[in-house]
PDB file of N, CA and C in Angstrom:
ATOM      1  N   MET A   1       0.817  -0.931  -0.254  1.00  0.00           N
ATOM      2  CA  MET A   1       0.001  -0.116   0.208  1.00  0.00           C
ATOM      3  C   MET A   1       0.991   1.522   0.141  1.00  0.00           C
ATOM      4  N   TRP A   2       1.884   1.208   0.906  1.00  0.00           N
ATOM      5  CA  TRP A   2       2.883   2.424   0.495  1.00  0.00           C
ATOM      6  C   TRP A   2       3.533   2.639  -1.018  1.00  0.00           C
ATOM      7  N   ILE A   3       3.678   1.929  -1.560  1.00  0.00           N
ATOM      8  CA  ILE A   3       3.872   2.018  -3.025  1.00  0.00           C
ATOM      9  C   ILE A   3       3.049   2.711  -3.833  1.00  0.00           C
ATOM     10  N   VAL A   4       1.648   2.558  -3.614  1.00  0.00           N
ATOM     11  CA  VAL A   4       0.583   3.264  -4.315  1.00  0.00           C
ATOM     12  C   VAL A   4       0.986   4.877  -3.601  1.00  0.00           C
ATOM     13  N   LEU A   5       0.592   5.086  -2.269  1.00  0.00           N
ATOM     14  CA  LEU A   5       1.214   6.553  -1.703  1.00  0.00           C
ATOM     15  C   LEU A   5       1.804   7.112  -1.964  1.00  0.00           C
ATOM     16  N   VAL A   6       3.261   6.727  -1.871  1.00  0.00           N
ATOM     17  CA  VAL A   6       4.330   7.629  -2.286  1.00  0.00           C
ATOM     18  C   VAL A   6       4.622   7.823  -3.608  1.00  0.00           C
ATOM     19  N   GLY A   7       3.965   6.714  -4.628  1.00  0.00           N
ATOM     20  CA  GLY A   7       3.956   7.060  -5.817  1.00  0.00           C
ATOM     21  C   GLY A   7       2.869   8.255  -6.577  1.00  0.00           C
ATOM     22  N   LEU A   8       1.654   8.174  -5.474  1.00  0.00           N
ATOM     23  CA  LEU A   8       1.198   9.376  -5.784  1.00  0.00           C
ATOM     24  C   LEU A   8       1.540  10.684  -5.234  1.00  0.00           C
ATOM     25  N   ALA A   9       1.732  10.591  -4.063  1.00  0.00           N
ATOM     26  CA  ALA A   9       2.479  11.955  -3.636  1.00  0.00           C
ATOM     27  C   ALA A   9       3.558  12.409  -4.444  1.00  0.00           C
ATOM     28  N   MET A  10       4.681  11.315  -5.049  1.00  0.00           N
ATOM     29  CA  MET A  10       5.509  11.815  -6.195  1.00  0.00           C
ATOM     30  C   MET A  10       5.220  12.613  -7.420  1.00  0.00           C
ATOM     31  N   GLY A  11       3.972  11.807  -7.661  1.00  0.00           N
ATOM     32  CA  GLY A  11       3.347  12.105  -8.975  1.00  0.00           C
ATOM     33  C   GLY A  11       2.614  13.676  -9.098  1.00  0.00           C
ATOM     34  N   VAL A  12       2.150  14.085  -7.689  1.00  0.00           N
ATOM     35  CA  VAL A  12       1.711  14.996  -7.401  1.00  0.00           C
ATOM     36  C   VAL A  12       2.809  16.324  -7.264  1.00  0.00           C
ATOM     37  N   LEU A  13       3.282  15.800  -6.647  1.00  0.00           N
ATOM     38  CA  LEU A  13       4.762  16.699  -6.270  1.00  0.00           C
ATOM     39  C   LEU A  13       5.441  17.149  -7.798  1.00  0.00           C
ATOM     40  N   ILE A  14       5.723  16.161  -8.278  1.00  0.00           N
ATOM     41  CA  ILE A  14       6.434  16.447  -9.841  1.00  0.00           C
ATOM     42  C   ILE A  14       5.516  17.166 -10.787  1.00  0.00           C
ATOM     43  N   GLY A  15       3.870  16.923 -10.523  1.00  0.00           N
ATOM     44  CA  GLY A  15       3.343  17.953 -11.455  1.00  0.00           C
ATOM     45  C   GLY A  15       3.150  19.181 -11.305  1.00  0.00           C
ATOM     46  N   LEU A  16       3.142  19.506  -9.962  1.00  0.00           N
ATOM     47  CA  LEU A  16       3.064  20.778  -9.354  1.00  0.00           C
ATOM     48  C   LEU A  16       4.563  21.638  -9.444  1.00  0.00           C
ATOM     49  N   SER A  17       5.765  20.749  -9.645  1.00  0.00           N
ATOM     50  CA  SER A  17       6.638  21.793 -10.038  1.00  0.00           C
ATOM     51  C   SER A  17       6.944  21.971 -11.154  1.00  0.00           C
ATOM     52  N   PHE A  18       6.261  21.315 -12.307  1.00  0.00           N
ATOM     53  CA  PHE A  18       6.631  21.882 -13.741  1.00  0.00           C
ATOM     54  C   PHE A  18       5.653  23.295 -14.012  1.00  0.00           C
ATOM     55  N   PRO A  19       6.062  24.204 -14.990  1.00  0.00           N
ATOM     56  CA  PRO A  19       5.115  25.113 -15.349  1.00  0.00           C
ATOM     57  C   PRO A  19       4.137  24.715 -16.338  1.00  0.00           C
ATOM     58  N   ASP A  20       2.719  25.455 -16.368  1.00  0.00           N
ATOM     59  CA  ASP A  20       1.917  24.983 -16.793  1.00  0.00           C
ATOM     60  C   ASP A  20       2.007  25.300 -18.469  1.00  0.00           C
ATOM     61  N   VAL A  21       2.587  24.201 -19.120  1.00  0.00           N
ATOM     62  CA  VAL A  21       3.082  24.649 -20.470  1.00  0.00           C
ATOM     63  C   VAL A  21       2.137  23.219 -21.663  1.00  0.00           C
ATOM     64  N   LEU A  22       0.972  22.818 -21.022  1.00  0.00           N
ATOM     65  CA  LEU A  22       0.391  22.082 -21.839  1.00  0.00           C
ATOM     66  C   LEU A  22      -0.596  22.763 -22.347  1.00  0.00           C
ATOM     67  N   PRO A  23      -1.080  23.272 -23.907  1.00  0.00           N
ATOM     68  CA  PRO A  23      -2.355  23.511 -24.217  1.00  0.00           C
ATOM     69  C   PRO A  23      -3.688  23.520 -23.877  1.00  0.00           C
ATOM     70  N   ALA A  24      -4.672  24.357 -23.761  1.00  0.00           N
ATOM     71  CA  ALA A  24      -5.608  23.697 -23.011  1.00  0.00           C
ATOM     72  C   ALA A  24      -6.578  22.804 -24.057  1.00  0.00           C
ATOM     73  N   SER A  25      -6.013  22.345 -25.408  1.00  0.00           N
ATOM     74  CA  SER A  25      -6.715  21.425 -25.977  1.00  0.00           C
ATOM     75  C   SER A  25      -6.325  20.041 -25.431  1.00  0.00           C
ATOM     76  N   PHE A  26      -5.331  19.909 -24.788  1.00  0.00           N
ATOM     77  CA  PHE A  26      -5.084  18.677 -23.785  1.00  0.00           C
ATOM     78  C   PHE A  26      -5.657  18.294 -22.417  1.00  0.00           C
ATOM     79  N   ALA A  27      -6.639  19.182 -22.165  1.00  0.00           N
ATOM     80  CA  ALA A  27      -7.177  19.318 -21.179  1.00  0.00           C
ATOM     81  C   ALA A  27      -8.070  17.857 -20.864  1.00  0.00           C
ATOM     82  N   ASN A  28      -9.106  17.499 -21.612  1.00  0.00           N
ATOM     83  CA  ASN A  28      -9.630  16.204 -21.861  1.00  0.00           C
ATOM     84  C   ASN A  28      -8.742  15.353 -21.360  1.00  0.00           C
ATOM     85  N   TYR A  29      -7.771  15.241 -22.294  1.00  0.00           N
ATOM     86  CA  TYR A  29      -6.892  13.946 -22.715  1.00  0.00           C
ATOM     87  C   TYR A  29      -6.197  13.599 -21.086  1.00  0.00           C
ATOM     88  N   LEU A  30      -5.492  14.882 -20.271  1.00  0.00           N
ATOM     89  CA  LEU A  30      -5.329  15.074 -19.179  1.00  0.00           C
ATOM     90  C   LEU A  30      -5.970  14.485 -17.980  1.00  0.00           C
ATOM     91  N   SER A  31      -7.072  15.070 -18.220  1.00  0.00           N
ATOM     92  CA  SER A  31      -8.168  14.831 -17.004  1.00  0.00           C
ATOM     93  C   SER A  31      -8.579  13.273 -16.969  1.00  0.00           C
ATOM     94  N   ILE A  32      -9.107  12.820 -18.072  1.00  0.00           N
ATOM     95  CA  ILE A  32      -9.704  11.146 -17.845  1.00  0.00           C
ATOM     96  C   ILE A  32      -8.110  10.275 -17.814  1.00  0.00           C
ATOM     97  N   SER A  33      -6.770  10.831 -17.813  1.00  0.00           N
ATOM     98  CA  SER A  33      -6.149  10.034 -17.870  1.00  0.00           C
ATOM     99  C   SER A  33      -5.506  10.338 -16.547  1.00  0.00           C
ATOM    100  N   LEU A  34      -5.726  11.113 -15.896  1.00  0.00           N
ATOM    101  CA  LEU A  34      -5.423  11.609 -14.557  1.00  0.00           C
ATOM    102  C   LEU A  34      -6.488  10.645 -13.772  1.00  0.00           C
ATOM    103  N   LEU A  35      -7.715  10.663 -14.188  1.00  0.00           N
ATOM    104  CA  LEU A  35      -8.688   9.673 -13.527  1.00  0.00           C
ATOM    105  C   LEU A  35      -8.551   8.302 -13.382  1.00  0.00           C
ATOM    106  N   ALA A  36      -8.176   7.930 -14.785  1.00  0.00           N
ATOM    107  CA  ALA A  36      -7.607   6.473 -14.856  1.00  0.00           C
ATOM    108  C   ALA A  36      -6.614   6.104 -13.873  1.00  0.00           C
ATOM    109  N   ALA A  37      -5.676   7.296 -13.759  1.00  0.00           N
ATOM    110  CA  ALA A  37      -4.655   6.698 -12.406  1.00  0.00           C
ATOM    111  C   ALA A  37      -5.233   6.720 -11.329  1.00  0.00           C
ATOM    112  N   LEU A  38      -6.223   7.714 -10.638  1.00  0.00           N
ATOM    113  CA  LEU A  38      -6.725   7.961  -9.818  1.00  0.00           C
ATOM    114  C   LEU A  38      -7.609   6.207  -9.219  1.00  0.00           C
ATOM    115  N   ASP A  39      -8.215   5.916 -10.235  1.00  0.00           N
ATOM    116  CA  ASP A  39      -8.815   4.681 -10.162  1.00  0.00           C
ATOM    117  C   ASP A  39      -7.834   3.492  -9.742  1.00  0.00           C
ATOM    118  N   SER A  40      -6.751   3.503 -11.053  1.00  0.00           N
ATOM    119  CA  SER A  40      -5.862   2.572 -10.271  1.00  0.00           C
ATOM    120  C   SER A  40      -5.142   2.388  -8.945  1.00  0.00           C
ATOM    121  N   ALA A  41      -5.157   3.707  -8.315  1.00  0.00           N
ATOM    122  CA  ALA A  41      -4.288   4.003  -7.154  1.00  0.00           C
ATOM    123  C   ALA A  41      -5.263   3.637  -6.254  1.00  0.00           C
ATOM    124  N   PHE A  42      -6.648   3.572  -6.308  1.00  0.00           N
ATOM    125  CA  PHE A  42      -7.745   3.425  -4.826  1.00  0.00           C
ATOM    126  C   PHE A  42      -7.671   1.991  -5.408  1.00  0.00           C
ATOM    127  N   GLY A  43      -8.113   1.277  -6.382  1.00  0.00           N
ATOM    128  CA  GLY A  43      -7.919   0.151  -6.699  1.00  0.00           C
ATOM    129  C   GLY A  43      -6.623  -0.824  -6.029  1.00  0.00           C
ATOM    130  N   GLY A  44      -5.296  -0.227  -6.304  1.00  0.00           N
ATOM    131  CA  GLY A  44      -4.411  -0.379  -5.487  1.00  0.00           C
ATOM    132  C   GLY A  44      -4.440  -0.733  -3.627  1.00  0.00           C
ATOM    133  N   ILE A  45      -4.708   0.550  -3.341  1.00  0.00           N
ATOM    134  CA  ILE A  45      -5.122   0.387  -1.824  1.00  0.00           C
ATOM    135  C   ILE A  45      -6.074  -0.811  -1.646  1.00  0.00           C
ATOM    136  N   ARG A  46      -7.102  -0.754  -2.192  1.00  0.00           N
ATOM    137  CA  ARG A  46      -8.111  -1.804  -1.810  1.00  0.00           C
ATOM    138  C   ARG A  46      -7.401  -3.290  -1.819  1.00  0.00           C
ATOM    139  N   ALA A  47      -6.568  -3.273  -3.170  1.00  0.00           N
ATOM    140  CA  ALA A  47      -5.869  -4.782  -3.268  1.00  0.00           C
ATOM    141  C   ALA A  47      -4.678  -4.710  -1.781  1.00  0.00           C
ATOM    142  N   SER A  48      -4.383  -3.779  -1.808  1.00  0.00           N
ATOM    143  CA  SER A  48      -3.280  -4.224  -0.329  1.00  0.00           C
ATOM    144  C   SER A  48      -3.863  -4.170   0.861  1.00  0.00           C
ATOM    145  N   LEU A  49      -4.949  -3.294   1.009  1.00  0.00           N
ATOM    146  CA  LEU A  49      -5.571  -3.620   2.208  1.00  0.00           C
ATOM    147  C   LEU A  49      -6.330  -5.528   2.341  1.00  0.00           C
ATOM    148  N   GLU A  50      -6.529  -5.910   1.416  1.00  0.00           N
ATOM    149  CA  GLU A  50      -7.197  -7.180   1.116  1.00  0.00           C
ATOM    150  C   GLU A  50      -6.171  -8.114   0.948  1.00  0.00           C
ATOM    151  N   GLY A  51      -4.692  -7.819   0.914  1.00  0.00           N
ATOM    152  CA  GLY A  51      -4.056  -8.966   0.788  1.00  0.00           C
ATOM    153  C   GLY A  51      -3.753  -9.419  -0.561  1.00  0.00           C
ATOM    154  N   ARG A  52      -3.777  -8.760  -1.382  1.00  0.00           N
ATOM    155  CA  ARG A  52      -3.681  -9.326  -2.968  1.00  0.00           C
ATOM    156  C   ARG A  52      -3.419  -8.076  -3.574  1.00  0.00           C
ATOM    157  N   PHE A  53      -2.512  -7.556  -3.348  1.00  0.00           N
ATOM    158  CA  PHE A  53      -1.954  -6.258  -4.175  1.00  0.00           C
ATOM    159  C   PHE A  53      -0.164  -7.201  -4.737  1.00  0.00           C
ATOM    160  N   VAL A  54      -0.354  -7.115  -5.982  1.00  0.00           N
ATOM    161  CA  VAL A  54       0.877  -7.396  -6.708  1.00  0.00           C
ATOM    162  C   VAL A  54       1.523  -6.668  -7.477  1.00  0.00           C
ATOM    163  N   PRO A  55       2.605  -5.790  -7.317  1.00  0.00           N
ATOM    164  CA  PRO A  55       3.012  -4.386  -7.921  1.00  0.00           C
ATOM    165  C   PRO A  55       2.774  -4.378  -9.543  1.00  0.00           C
ATOM    166  N   MET A  56       3.410  -5.377 -10.110  1.00  0.00           N
ATOM    167  CA  MET A  56       3.432  -5.707 -11.503  1.00  0.00           C
ATOM    168  C   MET A  56       1.814  -5.405 -12.110  1.00  0.00           C
ATOM    169  N   THR A  57       0.668  -5.795 -11.293  1.00  0.00           N
ATOM    170  CA  THR A  57      -0.050  -5.854 -12.011  1.00  0.00           C
ATOM    171  C   THR A  57      -0.963  -4.245 -11.900  1.00  0.00           C
ATOM    172  N   PHE A  58      -0.494  -3.721 -10.480  1.00  0.00           N
ATOM    173  CA  PHE A  58      -0.827  -2.375 -10.481  1.00  0.00           C
ATOM    174  C   PHE A  58      -0.103  -1.534 -11.212  1.00  0.00           C
ATOM    175  N   VAL A  59       1.110  -1.501 -11.629  1.00  0.00           N
ATOM    176  CA  VAL A  59       1.966  -0.705 -12.631  1.00  0.00           C
ATOM    177  C   VAL A  59       1.373  -0.602 -13.873  1.00  0.00           C
ATOM    178  N   THR A  60       0.992  -2.116 -14.729  1.00  0.00           N
ATOM    179  CA  THR A  60       0.552  -2.090 -16.028  1.00  0.00           C
ATOM    180  C   THR A  60      -0.848  -1.611 -16.342  1.00  0.00           C
ATOM    181  N   GLY A  61      -1.745  -1.875 -14.918  1.00  0.00           N
ATOM    182  CA  GLY A  61      -2.951  -1.459 -14.809  1.00  0.00           C
ATOM    183  C   GLY A  61      -3.201   0.061 -14.962  1.00  0.00           C
ATOM    184  N   LEU A  62      -2.244   0.476 -14.435  1.00  0.00           N
ATOM    185  CA  LEU A  62      -1.660   2.227 -13.963  1.00  0.00           C
ATOM    186  C   LEU A  62      -1.819   3.169 -15.132  1.00  0.00           C
ATOM    187  N   VAL A  63      -0.760   2.092 -16.196  1.00  0.00           N
ATOM    188  CA  VAL A  63      -0.291   2.350 -17.532  1.00  0.00           C
ATOM    189  C   VAL A  63      -1.626   2.338 -18.506  1.00  0.00           C
ATOM    190  N   SER A  64      -1.870   1.089 -18.536  1.00  0.00           N
ATOM    191  CA  SER A  64      -3.012   0.771 -19.339  1.00  0.00           C
ATOM    192  C   SER A  64      -4.277   1.440 -19.526  1.00  0.00           C
ATOM    193  N   ASN A  65      -4.597   1.834 -18.520  1.00  0.00           N
ATOM    194  CA  ASN A  65      -5.876   2.313 -18.168  1.00  0.00           C
ATOM    195  C   ASN A  65      -5.958   4.137 -18.466  1.00  0.00           C
ATOM    196  N   ALA A  66      -4.299   4.777 -18.280  1.00  0.00           N
ATOM    197  CA  ALA A  66      -4.146   6.214 -18.790  1.00  0.00           C
ATOM    198  C   ALA A  66      -4.191   6.112 -19.941  1.00  0.00           C
ATOM    199  N   VAL A  67      -3.352   5.088 -20.412  1.00  0.00           N
ATOM    200  CA  VAL A  67      -3.463   5.131 -22.065  1.00  0.00           C
ATOM    201  C   VAL A  67      -4.909   5.051 -23.054  1.00  0.00           C
ATOM    202  N   LEU A  68      -5.308   3.799 -22.391  1.00  0.00           N
ATOM    203  CA  LEU A  68      -6.567   3.600 -23.214  1.00  0.00           C
ATOM    204  C   LEU A  68      -7.369   4.861 -22.779  1.00  0.00           C
ATOM    205  N   ALA A  69      -7.431   5.172 -21.521  1.00  0.00           N
ATOM    206  CA  ALA A  69      -8.782   6.567 -21.648  1.00  0.00           C
ATOM    207  C   ALA A  69      -8.227   7.411 -22.652  1.00  0.00           C
ATOM    208  N   ALA A  70      -7.090   7.940 -22.519  1.00  0.00           N
ATOM    209  CA  ALA A  70      -6.518   8.880 -23.481  1.00  0.00           C
ATOM    210  C   ALA A  70      -6.984   8.735 -25.019  1.00  0.00           C
ATOM    211  N   GLY A  71      -6.828   7.562 -25.542  1.00  0.00           N
ATOM    212  CA  GLY A  71      -7.031   6.865 -26.323  1.00  0.00           C
ATOM    213  C   GLY A  71      -8.502   6.965 -26.846  1.00  0.00           C
ATOM    214  N   LEU A  72      -9.524   6.345 -26.033  1.00  0.00           N
ATOM    215  CA  LEU A  72     -10.727   6.756 -26.275  1.00  0.00           C
ATOM    216  C   LEU A  72     -11.087   8.126 -26.476  1.00  0.00           C
ATOM    217  N   THR A  73     -10.648   8.877 -25.588  1.00  0.00           N
ATOM    218  CA  THR A  73     -11.011  10.627 -25.717  1.00  0.00           C
ATOM    219  C   THR A  73     -11.026  10.574 -27.378  1.00  0.00           C
ATOM    220  N   TYR A  74      -9.523  10.369 -27.216  1.00  0.00           N
ATOM    221  CA  TYR A  74      -9.361  10.730 -28.762  1.00  0.00           C
ATOM    222  C   TYR A  74      -9.755  10.390 -29.657  1.00  0.00           C
ATOM    223  N   LEU A  75     -10.281   9.231 -30.096  1.00  0.00           N
ATOM    224  CA  LEU A  75     -10.985   8.609 -31.095  1.00  0.00           C
ATOM    225  C   LEU A  75     -12.356   9.185 -31.175  1.00  0.00           C
ATOM    226  N   GLY A  76     -12.942   9.487 -29.467  1.00  0.00           N
ATOM    227  CA  GLY A  76     -14.126  10.105 -29.641  1.00  0.00           C
ATOM    228  C   GLY A  76     -14.235  11.739 -30.046  1.00  0.00           C
ATOM    229  N   ASN A  77     -13.396  12.089 -30.000  1.00  0.00           N
ATOM    230  CA  ASN A  77     -12.942  13.562 -30.436  1.00  0.00           C
ATOM    231  C   ASN A  77     -13.130  13.446 -32.041  1.00  0.00           C
ATOM    232  N   LYS A  78     -12.443  12.698 -32.462  1.00  0.00           N
ATOM    233  CA  LYS A  78     -12.364  12.637 -34.130  1.00  0.00           C
ATOM    234  C   LYS A  78     -13.619  12.124 -34.515  1.00  0.00           C
ATOM    235  N   MET A  79     -14.307  10.932 -33.961  1.00  0.00           N
ATOM    236  CA  MET A  79     -15.633  10.908 -34.343  1.00  0.00           C
ATOM    237  C   MET A  79     -16.749  11.407 -33.999  1.00  0.00           C
ATOM    238  N   GLY A  80     -16.680  12.405 -33.158  1.00  0.00           N
ATOM    239  CA  GLY A  80     -17.543  13.238 -32.733  1.00  0.00           C
ATOM    240  C   GLY A  80     -18.567  12.544 -31.735  1.00  0.00           C
ATOM    241  N   VAL A  81     -17.873  11.409 -30.982  1.00  0.00           N
ATOM    242  CA  VAL A  81     -18.821  10.614 -30.406  1.00  0.00           C
ATOM    243  C   VAL A  81     -18.048  11.122 -28.523  1.00  0.00           C
ATOM    244  N   PRO A  82     -19.248  11.449 -27.921  1.00  0.00           N
ATOM    245  CA  PRO A  82     -18.516  11.542 -26.396  1.00  0.00           C
ATOM    246  C   PRO A  82     -18.192  10.429 -25.340  1.00  0.00           C
ATOM    247  N   LEU A  83     -17.386   9.775 -26.383  1.00  0.00           N
ATOM    248  CA  LEU A  83     -16.565   8.323 -25.305  1.00  0.00           C
ATOM    249  C   LEU A  83     -15.998   8.896 -24.384  1.00  0.00           C
ATOM    250  N   PHE A  84     -15.562  10.139 -24.028  1.00  0.00           N
ATOM    251  CA  PHE A  84     -14.933  11.043 -22.879  1.00  0.00           C
ATOM    252  C   PHE A  84     -16.131  10.509 -21.796  1.00  0.00           C
ATOM    253  N   ASP A  85     -17.151  10.947 -21.868  1.00  0.00           N
ATOM    254  CA  ASP A  85     -18.020  10.750 -20.966  1.00  0.00           C
ATOM    255  C   ASP A  85     -18.173   9.667 -20.561  1.00  0.00           C
ATOM    256  N   ALA A  86     -18.508   8.647 -21.220  1.00  0.00           N
ATOM    257  CA  ALA A  86     -18.240   7.159 -20.763  1.00  0.00           C
ATOM    258  C   ALA A  86     -17.515   6.717 -20.169  1.00  0.00           C
ATOM    259  N   ALA A  87     -15.964   7.097 -20.515  1.00  0.00           N
ATOM    260  CA  ALA A  87     -14.872   6.828 -19.746  1.00  0.00           C
ATOM    261  C   ALA A  87     -15.180   7.466 -18.384  1.00  0.00           C
ATOM    262  N   LEU A  88     -15.253   8.597 -18.243  1.00  0.00           N
ATOM    263  CA  LEU A  88     -15.658   9.700 -16.916  1.00  0.00           C
ATOM    264  C   LEU A  88     -16.517   8.754 -15.990  1.00  0.00           C
ATOM    265  N   PHE A  89     -17.441   8.605 -16.494  1.00  0.00           N
ATOM    266  CA  PHE A  89     -18.685   7.621 -15.551  1.00  0.00           C
ATOM    267  C   PHE A  89     -17.964   6.418 -15.047  1.00  0.00           C
ATOM    268  N   ALA A  90     -17.543   5.467 -16.019  1.00  0.00           N
ATOM    269  CA  ALA A  90     -16.836   4.113 -15.719  1.00  0.00           C
ATOM    270  C   ALA A  90     -15.751   4.547 -14.498  1.00  0.00           C
ATOM    271  N   PHE A  91     -14.747   5.309 -14.656  1.00  0.00           N
ATOM    272  CA  PHE A  91     -13.838   5.606 -13.976  1.00  0.00           C
ATOM    273  C   PHE A  91     -14.248   6.168 -12.665  1.00  0.00           C
ATOM    274  N   GLY A  92     -15.014   6.796 -12.998  1.00  0.00           N
ATOM    275  CA  GLY A  92     -15.861   7.619 -11.430  1.00  0.00           C
ATOM    276  C   GLY A  92     -16.440   6.731 -10.417  1.00  0.00           C
ATOM    277  N   PHE A  93     -17.045   5.882 -11.477  1.00  0.00           N
ATOM    278  CA  PHE A  93     -17.992   4.598 -10.687  1.00  0.00           C
ATOM    279  C   PHE A  93     -17.070   3.948  -9.969  1.00  0.00           C
ATOM    280  N   ARG A  94     -15.952   3.230 -10.742  1.00  0.00           N
ATOM    281  CA  ARG A  94     -14.904   2.483  -9.949  1.00  0.00           C
ATOM    282  C   ARG A  94     -14.424   3.016  -8.896  1.00  0.00           C
ATOM    283  N   ILE A  95     -14.249   4.383  -8.966  1.00  0.00           N
ATOM    284  CA  ILE A  95     -12.793   5.275  -7.895  1.00  0.00           C
ATOM    285  C   ILE A  95     -14.054   5.204  -6.525  1.00  0.00           C
ATOM    286  N   PHE A  96     -15.554   5.319  -6.496  1.00  0.00           N
ATOM    287  CA  PHE A  96     -16.462   5.362  -5.574  1.00  0.00           C
ATOM    288  C   PHE A  96     -16.437   3.940  -4.819  1.00  0.00           C
ATOM    289  N   GLN A  97     -16.728   3.227  -6.108  1.00  0.00           N
ATOM    290  CA  GLN A  97     -16.974   1.517  -5.355  1.00  0.00           C
ATOM    291  C   GLN A  97     -15.723   0.967  -4.412  1.00  0.00           C
ATOM    292  N   ASN A  98     -14.033   1.468  -5.223  1.00  0.00           N
ATOM    293  CA  ASN A  98     -13.353   1.648  -4.373  1.00  0.00           C
ATOM    294  C   ASN A  98     -13.017   1.859  -3.196  1.00  0.00           C
ATOM    295  N   LEU A  99     -13.404   3.163  -2.949  1.00  0.00           N
ATOM    296  CA  LEU A  99     -13.582   3.917  -1.804  1.00  0.00           C
ATOM    297  C   LEU A  99     -14.255   3.649  -0.962  1.00  0.00           C
ATOM    298  N   GLY A 100     -15.450   3.027  -1.357  1.00  0.00           N
ATOM    299  CA  GLY A 100     -16.553   2.219  -0.122  1.00  0.00           C
ATOM    300  C   GLY A 100     -15.952   1.066   0.414  1.00  0.00           C
ATOM    301  N   ALA A 101     -15.191  -0.013  -0.287  1.00  0.00           N
ATOM    302  CA  ALA A 101     -14.957  -1.194  -0.276  1.00  0.00           C
ATOM    303  C   ALA A 101     -13.418  -0.812   0.844  1.00  0.00           C
ATOM    304  N   ILE A 102     -12.756   0.138   0.293  1.00  0.00           N
ATOM    305  CA  ILE A 102     -11.597   0.683   1.221  1.00  0.00           C
ATOM    306  C   ILE A 102     -12.609   1.137   2.769  1.00  0.00           C
ATOM    307  N   ARG A 103     -13.359   2.159   2.732  1.00  0.00           N
ATOM    308  CA  ARG A 103     -13.653   2.123   4.189  1.00  0.00           C
ATOM    309  C   ARG A 103     -14.193   1.166   4.908  1.00  0.00           C
ATOM    310  N   HIS A 104     -15.368   0.590   4.216  1.00  0.00           N
ATOM    311  CA  HIS A 104     -15.846  -0.758   5.170  1.00  0.00           C
ATOM    312  C   HIS A 104     -14.785  -1.510   5.570  1.00  0.00           C
ATOM    313  N   ASP A 105     -13.426  -2.208   4.985  1.00  0.00           N
ATOM    314  CA  ASP A 105     -12.266  -2.567   5.233  1.00  0.00           C
ATOM    315  C   ASP A 105     -12.094  -1.765   6.770  1.00  0.00           C
ATOM    316  N   LEU A 106     -11.379  -0.631   6.051  1.00  0.00           N
ATOM    317  CA  LEU A 106     -10.837   0.254   7.435  1.00  0.00           C
ATOM    318  C   LEU A 106     -11.497   0.148   8.894  1.00  0.00           C
ATOM    319  N   ILE A 107     -12.978   0.286   8.625  1.00  0.00           N
ATOM    320  CA  ILE A 107     -13.960   0.271   9.887  1.00  0.00           C
ATOM    321  C   ILE A 107     -14.245  -1.019  10.319  1.00  0.00           C
ATOM    322  N   GLY A 108     -14.213  -1.946   9.529  1.00  0.00           N
ATOM    323  CA  GLY A 108     -13.984  -3.378  10.283  1.00  0.00           C
ATOM    324  C   GLY A 108     -12.815  -3.545  10.968  1.00  0.00           C
ATOM    325  N   ARG A 109     -11.710  -3.080  10.488  1.00  0.00           N
ATOM    326  CA  ARG A 109     -10.327  -3.401  11.275  1.00  0.00           C
ATOM    327  C   ARG A 109     -10.403  -2.585  12.574  1.00  0.00           C
ATOM    328  N   TRP A 110     -11.271  -1.404  12.485  1.00  0.00           N
ATOM    329  CA  TRP A 110     -11.067  -0.417  13.396  1.00  0.00           C
ATOM    330  C   TRP A 110     -12.117  -1.166  14.758  1.00  0.00           C
ATOM    331  N   GLN A 111     -13.005  -1.945  14.256  1.00  0.00           N
ATOM    332  CA  GLN A 111     -13.944  -2.191  14.882  1.00  0.00           C
ATOM    333  C   GLN A 111     -13.666  -3.342  15.600  1.00  0.00           C
ATOM    334  N   LYS A 112     -12.762  -4.422  14.760  1.00  0.00           N
ATOM    335  CA  LYS A 112     -12.184  -5.611  15.679  1.00  0.00           C
ATOM    336  C   LYS A 112     -11.077  -5.271  16.701  1.00  0.00           C
ATOM    337  N   SER A 113     -10.509  -4.245  16.170  1.00  0.00           N
ATOM    338  CA  SER A 113      -9.394  -3.898  17.276  1.00  0.00           C
ATOM    339  C   SER A 113      -9.779  -3.145  18.331  1.00  0.00           C
ATOM    340  N   ARG A 114     -10.931  -2.532  18.278  1.00  0.00           N
ATOM    341  CA  ARG A 114     -11.916  -2.520  19.990  1.00  0.00           C
ATOM    342  C   ARG A 114     -12.590  -3.249  20.574  1.00  0.00           C
ATOM    343  N   VAL A 115     -12.936  -4.515  19.656  1.00  0.00           N
ATOM    344  CA  VAL A 115     -13.295  -5.399  20.880  1.00  0.00           C
ATOM    345  C   VAL A 115     -12.268  -6.629  21.272  1.00  0.00           C
ATOM    346  N   LYS A 116     -11.192  -6.356  20.412  1.00  0.00           N
ATOM    347  CA  LYS A 116     -10.315  -7.051  21.029  1.00  0.00           C
ATOM    348  C   LYS A 116      -9.552  -6.355  21.882  1.00  0.00           C
ATOM    349  N   LEU A 117      -9.347  -5.053  22.040  1.00  0.00           N
ATOM    350  CA  LEU A 117      -8.958  -4.543  23.364  1.00  0.00           C
ATOM    351  C   LEU A 117      -9.912  -4.462  24.384  1.00  0.00           C
ATOM    352  N   ARG A 118     -10.914  -4.932  24.014  1.00  0.00           N
ATOM    353  CA  ARG A 118     -12.168  -4.700  25.508  1.00  0.00           C
ATOM    354  C   ARG A 118     -12.294  -5.892  26.180  1.00  0.00           C
ATOM    355  N   HIS A 119     -11.770  -7.171  25.376  1.00  0.00           N
ATOM    356  CA  HIS A 119     -11.623  -8.441  25.837  1.00  0.00           C
ATOM    357  C   HIS A 119     -10.548  -8.560  26.179  1.00  0.00           C
ATOM    358  N   GLU A 120      -9.476  -7.744  26.143  1.00  0.00           N
ATOM    359  CA  GLU A 120      -7.979  -8.252  26.645  1.00  0.00           C
ATOM    360  C   GLU A 120      -8.128  -7.213  27.771  1.00  0.00           C
ATOM    361  N   SER A 121      -8.711  -6.613  28.075  1.00  0.00           N
ATOM    362  CA  SER A 121      -8.762  -5.449  29.551  1.00  0.00           C
ATOM    363  C   SER A 121      -9.738  -6.048  30.529  1.00  0.00           C
ATOM    364  N   LEU A 122     -10.321  -7.495  29.915  1.00  0.00           N
ATOM    365  CA  LEU A 122     -11.419  -7.851  30.837  1.00  0.00           C
ATOM    366  C   LEU A 122     -10.797  -8.800  31.940  1.00  0.00           C
TER     367      LEU A 122
END
């Protein structure tokens, strides 16, 4: 799980250190790629909490999701079809789904630790 958080923090710091040099026409591509990367990050955190995190799966998923999302956005723009909206919905849905699972897992762990502490103090 730490590799995901460290990678996310490094990405944010690198992104903030560069000046704004991308043209506005790339905004859709960058935003959907960022959303795909966030989806992968939350999926990695969830997998780590569930004990099934595989770094290679995380890295390949991160790159392939970002490239596919940007590619679909480009193709949709060329065809005049709003594929950006479909990718936005899909990744947004998965982010909230993973966030819910992470929350449930952390609350479950917290409740189990409280019960364990209560039994040990008796």
